[in-house]
Amino acid sequence: MSTSASSDDRSVCTPCRGTGSLVSNHGGERHSVTCPWCGGSGRFEAGRDAQAAAPPRAAAG
C-alpha cells in the first residue's frame, strides 16, 4: 500500500497545518497567535518545546 506525499509529509507543522498561526479563544475573544510548535514558520522543527518560553522579539523602533 502506498501513501500520498502530502499525508506523509512530516516537514509541515501539524498543529497549524503549515500556516504558522493558530486561533486562540483565551481571554474570551478569538485572536490569532503564533504557533508555539513551529514558531510561526509552518515547518516541523524536531525537538522544539512548545511549552518553552518564546524567544524575545526584536525591539520595534
Protein backbone atom coordinates (compact mmCIF):
# COMPACT_ATOMS: atom_id res chain seq x y z
CA MET A 1 0.00 0.00 0.00
CA SER A 2 1.37 3.43 -0.88
CA THR A 3 0.72 6.76 0.83
CA SER A 4 0.45 10.12 -0.83
CA ALA A 5 3.27 12.60 -0.33
CA SER A 6 1.02 15.11 1.44
CA SER A 7 -0.21 12.63 4.06
CA ASP A 8 3.33 11.50 4.81
CA ASP A 9 4.99 14.96 4.72
CA ARG A 10 6.50 15.34 8.19
CA SER A 11 8.04 18.72 7.39
CA VAL A 12 4.70 20.57 7.67
CA CYS A 13 3.70 21.61 11.19
CA THR A 14 0.65 19.52 12.04
CA PRO A 15 -1.00 21.73 14.73
CA CYS A 16 -1.15 24.84 12.49
CA ARG A 17 -1.29 22.89 9.20
CA GLY A 18 1.64 24.88 7.86
CA THR A 19 0.08 28.32 8.38
CA GLY A 20 2.33 29.39 11.29
CA SER A 21 -0.58 30.63 13.38
CA LEU A 22 -3.47 29.32 15.43
CA VAL A 23 -6.77 30.82 16.55
CA SER A 24 -6.98 31.22 20.32
CA ASN A 25 -10.10 31.85 22.36
CA HIS A 26 -8.10 32.58 25.50
CA GLY A 27 -9.47 35.64 27.25
CA GLY A 28 -12.91 35.31 25.69
CA GLU A 29 -12.11 36.80 22.29
CA ARG A 30 -10.89 34.95 19.22
CA HIS A 31 -7.49 36.11 18.05
CA SER A 32 -4.58 34.78 16.03
CA VAL A 33 -1.42 33.65 17.84
CA THR A 34 1.92 32.40 16.58
CA CYS A 35 2.05 28.61 16.59
CA PRO A 36 4.23 27.51 19.54
CA TRP A 37 5.14 24.22 17.85
CA CYS A 38 6.84 25.77 14.82
CA GLY A 39 7.42 29.34 15.98
CA GLY A 40 5.45 30.70 13.04
CA SER A 41 7.50 29.06 10.31
CA GLY A 42 4.84 26.49 9.40
CA ARG A 43 7.55 23.83 9.23
CA PHE A 44 8.03 20.98 11.72
CA GLU A 45 11.04 21.54 13.99
CA ALA A 46 12.25 18.36 15.67
CA GLY A 47 12.99 18.84 19.34
CA ARG A 48 11.16 22.16 19.66
CA ASP A 49 9.46 22.55 23.06
CA ALA A 50 6.09 24.27 22.55
CA GLN A 51 5.87 24.92 26.31
CA ALA A 52 9.21 26.72 26.49
CA ALA A 53 9.30 30.50 26.57
CA ALA A 54 9.25 32.11 23.15
CA PRO A 55 12.47 33.80 22.08
CA PRO A 56 12.43 37.56 22.68
CA ARG A 57 11.16 39.68 19.82
CA ALA A 58 13.32 42.37 18.24
CA ALA A 59 12.50 45.80 19.60
CA ALA A 60 10.39 47.90 17.25
CA GLY A 61 11.71 51.31 16.71
